[in-house]
Amino acid sequence: MNRKPLLIDTDPGIDDAIALAIILHSKEYDVRLITSTAGNVGIDKTTKNILKLLKFWNLDIPVAKGCARPLVRPEIDASGVHGDSGMDGYDFEEPDERLLLDVPAAVAIHQKIQESPDKVTMMAIGPLTNIALWLRLYPEDKEKVEEFVIMGGSMGRGNSGVLAEYNCHYDPEAAKILFDSGLPVVMMGLDVGLQALVYPEDSAKIKTFGRTGEMIYGLLQRYRGKGLKQGLKMYDACASAYLLKPELFGYVNAYVDVETSGAPPPRQRSRSAKRAPPSPFPGRMRWTPF
């Protein structure tokens, strides 16, 4: 069986670690590169977390360090959800930095795409800053991308403001660049992750899955301030699940736009209607079916 080439952009993050545990051990995909982006925590920590995970699994996959902040906005983080390190809950060994490339993420993505004789699949489960820079620097690479799967956006309410999902809220300009690129993007939105819940009994079962199960069990005990009893949402893992079992999901072709100015989308209104105030939540997803 020929394994499909896969490039991953991520910001570990507890749910990122679980998504990586799933996809890095699959027989279907050959992961050629992992790039780090700031998001859940700062770039130094997310890069270190990728290297920690690769050492934990004894995997030799090149890693490239990415952007330390959004394209134009101030940096934020989600350490309140993932802990100060981004992967609190398990005592990892110090990472081996020999896997770290000496080129930035956008350049490394370009190099791996051009090296591949086959079209590549890409998965981004963090803010899309690296992806936006890569698209601006190397637009010719788009022809060699088979499919692009992201965890980001929402069909309904948000988790980083009323209408904004965190990954797109972190860098809405970058998200807009991807959605406007013409690439075949599969969006695993916030609303999908809300249906993928892990409860205490699930966590206890995961703990029996060997060393990796024990590691994930430890992370889950710290995820979202110990909110396991209410069911933990597995957002990023849905992207890995889609790549391996797309039949689990339903989807439609849709036009996606990202609101970056803070203004609501234009709409018809009567003469007596009041003008809606500008939205304070950048990165809001606007969907219009074909």
Foldseek 3Di string as FASTA:
>chain_A
DDAAEEEEEEQADLLVLVLCVLQVPDPRHDYAEYEYDQEQHFQVLSQFVVQLSCVVVVHQHAYAGEDGAAPPDGADHNCLFQPHSSQPQDDTDGGDCPSYDPDHDLVVVVVVLVPDPAAHEYEYEAAQRSVLVNCVVCVVSLVRHPEYEYEAAAPAAEDPDGFGDRNCLRHVVSVQSVLPSPHHYDYQYPVNLVVVWAAPVNLVVLCPVPPVSVSSSRSCCPGGNRPRHVTDGSRRNVRSCCVVPVVVDDDADKRKHFAAPQADDDDDDDPPDDHDDRHPGGGGIDIDGD
